[in-house]
Amino acid sequence: MSISVIVETMEELISLHDALLETSKEKTPVLVDNRVDRLNKIVLKESKLIKRIEEINQLRIQLIGEYLLSRGYRPDPRVKVSDLIKVIFKAEEKKSLTDIHERLSNKIKELKQVNELNQNLIEHSLSFIDYSINLLMNTPEQDAVYSNPHQQYYASARSGWFDTKA
């Protein structure tokens, strides 16, 4: 078995990660603009890409196992590409696998950065929503109108801006 099949599989992984990266970058302005309908479509597209990435990654693991078996090694699903590079002796194969591994690693790092940005945007949005709800539901410290400071304040008279018993 040739290493080129593994390299081709990793090329496909890179192209899928490229598509996922573009989708994640597309998600950032949608999160900022709070366009939920568009966000749902993007998440669906991401889910399909992630499922395909998982399938190709399983194929990559299988191909690495077959390659190791053809070279007399015991196949192990935990073997990483960096481990495989160590057991390859042909300089050309080693270089092509090293290059493709580095490209895929860089693509994954870039994707991770974009996802962290999107996660921060979501967290900020959720904290703002939580703050807004608490602002409207909690009892105001002072009424919006003037009152006699010597008059006793009845907290039970009103439990917030909205009547929640309705």
Protein backbone atom coordinates (compact mmCIF):
# COMPACT_ATOMS: atom_id res chain seq x y z
CA MET A 1 0.00 0.00 0.00
CA SER A 2 1.24 3.46 -0.89
CA ILE A 3 1.29 6.48 1.37
CA SER A 4 -0.30 8.51 -1.45
CA VAL A 5 -3.77 7.17 -0.56
CA ILE A 6 -3.38 8.56 2.97
CA VAL A 7 -2.12 11.87 1.55
CA GLU A 8 -5.16 12.08 -0.77
CA THR A 9 -7.47 11.41 2.17
CA MET A 10 -5.78 14.16 4.14
CA GLU A 11 -6.13 16.50 1.14
CA GLU A 12 -9.86 15.85 1.27
CA LEU A 13 -9.82 16.57 5.00
CA ILE A 14 -8.11 19.90 4.29
CA SER A 15 -10.71 20.86 1.69
CA LEU A 16 -13.52 19.96 4.11
CA HIS A 17 -11.85 21.99 6.85
CA ASP A 18 -11.54 24.89 4.37
CA ALA A 19 -15.29 24.73 3.77
CA LEU A 20 -15.94 24.53 7.51
CA LEU A 21 -13.64 27.51 8.11
CA GLU A 22 -15.48 29.60 5.51
CA THR A 23 -18.80 28.62 7.07
CA SER A 24 -17.52 29.61 10.52
CA LYS A 25 -16.30 32.95 9.18
CA GLU A 26 -19.70 33.44 7.56
CA LYS A 27 -21.29 32.85 10.96
CA THR A 28 -19.47 35.73 12.69
CA PRO A 29 -21.38 38.66 11.10
CA VAL A 30 -24.62 36.69 11.40
CA LEU A 31 -24.04 36.41 15.15
CA VAL A 32 -23.28 40.13 15.40
CA ASP A 33 -26.43 41.04 13.44
CA ASN A 34 -28.55 38.55 15.44
CA ARG A 35 -30.03 36.92 12.33
CA VAL A 36 -31.32 33.68 13.82
CA ASP A 37 -32.87 32.29 10.63
CA ARG A 38 -29.56 32.61 8.77
CA LEU A 39 -27.68 31.21 11.78
CA ASN A 40 -29.85 28.07 11.72
CA LYS A 41 -28.98 27.49 8.06
CA ILE A 42 -25.27 27.93 8.77
CA VAL A 43 -25.38 25.53 11.73
CA LEU A 44 -27.11 22.92 9.55
CA LYS A 45 -24.41 23.34 6.91
CA GLU A 46 -21.71 23.03 9.58
CA SER A 47 -23.30 19.86 10.93
CA LYS A 48 -23.19 18.25 7.49
CA LEU A 49 -19.53 19.24 7.04
CA ILE A 50 -18.59 17.93 10.48
CA LYS A 51 -20.31 14.62 9.78
CA ARG A 52 -18.39 14.30 6.50
CA ILE A 53 -15.11 15.21 8.26
CA GLU A 54 -15.75 12.46 10.82
CA GLU A 55 -16.35 9.93 8.03
CA ILE A 56 -13.16 10.89 6.19
CA ASN A 57 -11.19 10.88 9.43
CA GLN A 58 -12.37 7.33 10.13
CA LEU A 59 -11.23 6.39 6.64
CA ARG A 60 -7.85 8.00 7.35
CA ILE A 61 -7.52 5.94 10.55
CA GLN A 62 -8.42 2.78 8.63
CA LEU A 63 -5.91 3.56 5.87
CA ILE A 64 -3.15 4.20 8.40
CA GLY A 65 -3.95 0.84 10.00
CA GLU A 66 -3.78 -0.89 6.62
CA TYR A 67 -0.49 0.84 5.81
CA LEU A 68 1.03 -0.21 9.13
CA LEU A 69 -0.19 -3.77 8.60
CA SER A 70 1.37 -3.85 5.11
CA ARG A 71 4.70 -2.77 6.64
CA GLY A 72 4.58 -5.43 9.33
CA TYR A 73 3.47 -3.22 12.20
CA ARG A 74 0.49 -3.85 14.42
CA PRO A 75 -2.36 -1.47 13.46
CA ASP A 76 -3.58 0.77 16.26
CA PRO A 77 -6.42 3.31 15.86
CA ARG A 78 -4.60 5.63 18.28
CA VAL A 79 -1.65 6.03 15.91
CA LYS A 80 -1.38 9.65 14.84
CA VAL A 81 0.00 10.96 11.57
CA SER A 82 3.04 12.27 13.46
CA ASP A 83 3.67 8.70 14.67
CA LEU A 84 3.27 7.37 11.14
CA ILE A 85 5.84 9.87 9.86
CA LYS A 86 8.40 8.33 12.22
CA VAL A 87 8.05 4.86 10.69
CA ILE A 88 8.28 5.99 7.05
CA PHE A 89 11.76 5.64 5.58
CA LYS A 90 11.36 7.03 2.06
CA ALA A 91 12.28 10.72 2.14
CA GLU A 92 9.74 11.73 -0.51
CA GLU A 93 6.83 10.00 1.26
CA LYS A 94 7.95 11.38 4.61
CA LYS A 95 8.12 14.93 3.21
CA SER A 96 4.71 14.75 1.52
CA LEU A 97 3.08 13.38 4.67
CA THR A 98 4.85 15.95 6.86
CA ASP A 99 3.72 18.81 4.60
CA ILE A 100 0.11 17.67 4.46
CA HIS A 101 0.06 17.09 8.22
CA GLU A 102 1.37 20.61 8.82
CA ARG A 103 -1.20 22.13 6.45
CA LEU A 104 -4.05 20.28 8.16
CA SER A 105 -2.79 21.28 11.62
CA ASN A 106 -2.60 24.94 10.59
CA LYS A 107 -6.11 24.80 9.13
CA ILE A 108 -7.45 23.30 12.37
CA LYS A 109 -5.71 26.01 14.43
CA GLU A 110 -7.26 28.73 12.27
CA LEU A 111 -10.67 27.10 12.58
CA LYS A 112 -10.25 26.94 16.35
CA GLN A 113 -9.52 30.70 16.51
CA VAL A 114 -12.63 31.58 14.49
CA ASN A 115 -14.76 29.26 16.63
CA GLU A 116 -13.42 30.86 19.82
CA LEU A 117 -14.40 34.29 18.48
CA ASN A 118 -17.89 33.03 17.63
CA GLN A 119 -18.20 31.42 21.05
CA ASN A 120 -17.26 34.71 22.73
CA LEU A 121 -19.87 36.55 20.66
CA ILE A 122 -22.52 34.03 21.71
CA GLU A 123 -21.51 34.28 25.38
CA HIS A 124 -21.68 38.09 25.28
CA SER A 125 -25.07 37.95 23.61
CA LEU A 126 -26.39 35.52 26.22
CA SER A 127 -25.05 37.60 29.11
CA PHE A 128 -26.74 40.70 27.64
CA ILE A 129 -30.02 38.80 27.33
CA ASP A 130 -29.69 37.57 30.91
CA TYR A 131 -28.95 41.10 32.11
CA SER A 132 -31.96 42.48 30.21
CA ILE A 133 -34.30 39.86 31.64
CA ASN A 134 -33.03 40.45 35.17
CA LEU A 135 -33.41 44.18 34.70
CA LEU A 136 -37.04 43.81 33.70
CA MET A 137 -38.03 41.09 36.18
CA ASN A 138 -36.36 42.29 39.39
CA THR A 139 -37.89 44.81 41.73
CA PRO A 140 -36.58 48.28 40.92
CA GLU A 141 -34.52 49.88 43.67
CA GLN A 142 -36.47 53.10 43.37
CA ASP A 143 -39.69 53.87 41.61
CA ALA A 144 -39.58 55.96 38.50
CA VAL A 145 -41.77 58.56 40.22
CA TYR A 146 -41.08 60.67 43.27
CA SER A 147 -42.48 59.56 46.61
CA ASN A 148 -42.45 60.72 50.19
CA PRO A 149 -39.18 59.51 51.74
CA HIS A 150 -40.89 59.10 55.14
CA GLN A 151 -43.49 56.76 53.71
CA GLN A 152 -42.78 53.04 54.15
CA TYR A 153 -41.93 51.18 50.94
CA TYR A 154 -43.88 47.99 50.37
CA ALA A 155 -41.75 45.56 48.40
CA SER A 156 -44.52 43.03 48.11
CA ALA A 157 -46.76 45.52 46.33
CA ARG A 158 -44.87 45.05 43.10
CA SER A 159 -42.46 42.27 42.08
CA GLY A 160 -40.88 43.89 39.04
CA TRP A 161 -41.76 45.78 35.93
CA PHE A 162 -44.16 43.09 34.78
CA ASP A 163 -46.93 41.28 36.57
CA THR A 164 -45.73 37.68 36.40
CA LYS A 165 -48.97 36.27 37.81
CA ALA A 166 -50.86 36.90 34.60
